[in-house]
Every structure is written in structure tokens, then in C-alpha cells.
Amino acid sequence: MAGDLILDVRELEPPEPLEKVLEALCVLEEGQRIRMIHHRDPHPLYPILQREGFEHETRFTDDGVVEILIWHSRNR
């Protein structure tokens, strides 16, 4: 199993962060996660993840970074 895919989208302008994570979902292997690093909470992403069979956990750091962990629902 490969490690987490790190996707740092803090410097990208919308809609590039959403496009990048959707591309990464297509190559995500069983047991692997995407660790998306963002500067805001990507609310439009969450219903897409649910519809496509993914789960997520969002963490907010004190320095304003938002980290979203994404994995296949069946990996739970």
C-alpha cells in the first residue's frame, strides 16, 4: 500500500483546488488517503465526497491551515 497523497492547494485559485482533489480521487488506492492542505474549508467538496463514496475528516490548525483527510468509505 502506498502512503498518503499530499495535496497542497494553498497557492491555487478556485476552482483549481477542487479540480486537483477530484483528479487525485481517481488514482486513490485502497487503504490510501489524500491529505489536502488548504487555506479555507472547502464546503463544496464535502457533498461530492459523500456522493462518490468517500469519507473525510477536517482539521483546523492555529495558524489558519485547513487539513482534510479523505479516504474510501469501504476502508473504515
C-alpha atoms as a PDB file:
ATOM      1  CA  MET A   1       0.000   0.000   0.000  1.00  0.00           C
ATOM      2  CA  ALA A   2       1.251   3.468  -0.884  1.00  0.00           C
ATOM      3  CA  GLY A   3       1.384   6.268   1.674  1.00  0.00           C
ATOM      4  CA  ASP A   4      -0.851   9.310   1.850  1.00  0.00           C
ATOM      5  CA  LEU A   5      -1.128  11.509  -1.219  1.00  0.00           C
ATOM      6  CA  ILE A   6      -0.183  15.039  -0.137  1.00  0.00           C
ATOM      7  CA  LEU A   7      -2.100  17.726  -1.991  1.00  0.00           C
ATOM      8  CA  ASP A   8      -1.106  21.275  -1.015  1.00  0.00           C
ATOM      9  CA  VAL A   9      -3.540  23.627  -2.741  1.00  0.00           C
ATOM     10  CA  ARG A  10      -2.972  26.748  -0.628  1.00  0.00           C
ATOM     11  CA  GLU A  11      -1.461  28.718  -3.500  1.00  0.00           C
ATOM     12  CA  LEU A  12      -4.087  27.777  -6.099  1.00  0.00           C
ATOM     13  CA  GLU A  13      -7.031  29.919  -7.167  1.00  0.00           C
ATOM     14  CA  PRO A  14     -10.557  28.493  -7.363  1.00  0.00           C
ATOM     15  CA  PRO A  15     -11.616  26.203  -8.958  1.00  0.00           C
ATOM     16  CA  GLU A  16      -8.138  24.618  -9.145  1.00  0.00           C
ATOM     17  CA  PRO A  17      -8.146  23.130  -5.604  1.00  0.00           C
ATOM     18  CA  LEU A  18     -11.399  21.292  -6.316  1.00  0.00           C
ATOM     19  CA  GLU A  19     -10.155  20.124  -9.703  1.00  0.00           C
ATOM     20  CA  LYS A  20      -6.892  18.820  -8.199  1.00  0.00           C
ATOM     21  CA  VAL A  21      -8.584  16.836  -5.442  1.00  0.00           C
ATOM     22  CA  LEU A  22     -11.107  15.330  -7.878  1.00  0.00           C
ATOM     23  CA  GLU A  23      -8.192  14.191 -10.073  1.00  0.00           C
ATOM     24  CA  ALA A  24      -6.481  12.685  -7.011  1.00  0.00           C
ATOM     25  CA  LEU A  25      -9.637  10.767  -6.072  1.00  0.00           C
ATOM     26  CA  CYS A  26      -9.402   8.921  -9.388  1.00  0.00           C
ATOM     27  CA  VAL A  27      -5.996   7.440  -8.502  1.00  0.00           C
ATOM     28  CA  LEU A  28      -6.551   6.837  -4.781  1.00  0.00           C
ATOM     29  CA  GLU A  29      -5.754   3.227  -3.912  1.00  0.00           C
ATOM     30  CA  GLU A  30      -7.464   1.012  -1.315  1.00  0.00           C
ATOM     31  CA  GLY A  31      -6.200   1.928   2.143  1.00  0.00           C
ATOM     32  CA  GLN A  32      -4.620   5.154   0.919  1.00  0.00           C
ATOM     33  CA  ARG A  33      -5.690   8.663   1.949  1.00  0.00           C
ATOM     34  CA  ILE A  34      -5.452  12.120   0.448  1.00  0.00           C
ATOM     35  CA  ARG A  35      -4.064  14.738   2.818  1.00  0.00           C
ATOM     36  CA  MET A  36      -5.318  18.009   1.323  1.00  0.00           C
ATOM     37  CA  ILE A  37      -3.755  21.183   2.730  1.00  0.00           C
ATOM     38  CA  HIS A  38      -5.846  24.288   2.131  1.00  0.00           C
ATOM     39  CA  HIS A  39      -6.236  27.824   3.442  1.00  0.00           C
ATOM     40  CA  ARG A  40     -10.027  27.561   3.712  1.00  0.00           C
ATOM     41  CA  ASP A  41     -12.725  24.975   4.443  1.00  0.00           C
ATOM     42  CA  PRO A  42     -13.794  23.609   1.017  1.00  0.00           C
ATOM     43  CA  HIS A  43     -17.538  23.220   1.678  1.00  0.00           C
ATOM     44  CA  PRO A  44     -18.460  22.404  -1.965  1.00  0.00           C
ATOM     45  CA  LEU A  45     -16.166  19.358  -1.808  1.00  0.00           C
ATOM     46  CA  TYR A  46     -17.976  17.532   1.002  1.00  0.00           C
ATOM     47  CA  PRO A  47     -21.213  16.568  -0.796  1.00  0.00           C
ATOM     48  CA  ILE A  48     -19.147  15.360  -3.756  1.00  0.00           C
ATOM     49  CA  LEU A  49     -17.078  13.135  -1.482  1.00  0.00           C
ATOM     50  CA  GLN A  50     -20.186  11.647   0.105  1.00  0.00           C
ATOM     51  CA  ARG A  51     -21.855  11.025  -3.258  1.00  0.00           C
ATOM     52  CA  GLU A  52     -18.725   9.335  -4.654  1.00  0.00           C
ATOM     53  CA  GLY A  53     -18.203   7.014  -1.666  1.00  0.00           C
ATOM     54  CA  PHE A  54     -15.500   8.841   0.272  1.00  0.00           C
ATOM     55  CA  GLU A  55     -15.254   9.948   3.874  1.00  0.00           C
ATOM     56  CA  HIS A  56     -13.312  12.880   5.238  1.00  0.00           C
ATOM     57  CA  GLU A  57     -12.064  14.477   8.409  1.00  0.00           C
ATOM     58  CA  THR A  58     -11.313  18.188   8.566  1.00  0.00           C
ATOM     59  CA  ARG A  59      -8.790  19.688  10.988  1.00  0.00           C
ATOM     60  CA  PHE A  60      -8.177  23.379  11.590  1.00  0.00           C
ATOM     61  CA  THR A  61      -4.776  24.497  12.865  1.00  0.00           C
ATOM     62  CA  ASP A  62      -3.991  27.570  14.942  1.00  0.00           C
ATOM     63  CA  ASP A  63      -2.044  29.092  12.037  1.00  0.00           C
ATOM     64  CA  GLY A  64      -5.055  29.067   9.692  1.00  0.00           C
ATOM     65  CA  VAL A  65      -4.281  25.891   7.754  1.00  0.00           C
ATOM     66  CA  VAL A  66      -7.132  23.527   6.969  1.00  0.00           C
ATOM     67  CA  GLU A  67      -6.178  19.876   6.560  1.00  0.00           C
ATOM     68  CA  ILE A  68      -8.688  17.499   5.009  1.00  0.00           C
ATOM     69  CA  LEU A  69      -8.062  13.751   5.168  1.00  0.00           C
ATOM     70  CA  ILE A  70     -10.001  11.812   2.515  1.00  0.00           C
ATOM     71  CA  TRP A  71     -10.362   8.040   2.136  1.00  0.00           C
ATOM     72  CA  HIS A  72     -12.627   5.435   0.542  1.00  0.00           C
ATOM     73  CA  SER A  73     -15.653   4.740   2.771  1.00  0.00           C
ATOM     74  CA  ARG A  74     -15.079   0.984   2.487  1.00  0.00           C
ATOM     75  CA  ASN A  75     -11.651   1.379   4.182  1.00  0.00           C
ATOM     76  CA  ARG A  76     -13.175   2.177   7.539  1.00  0.00           C
END
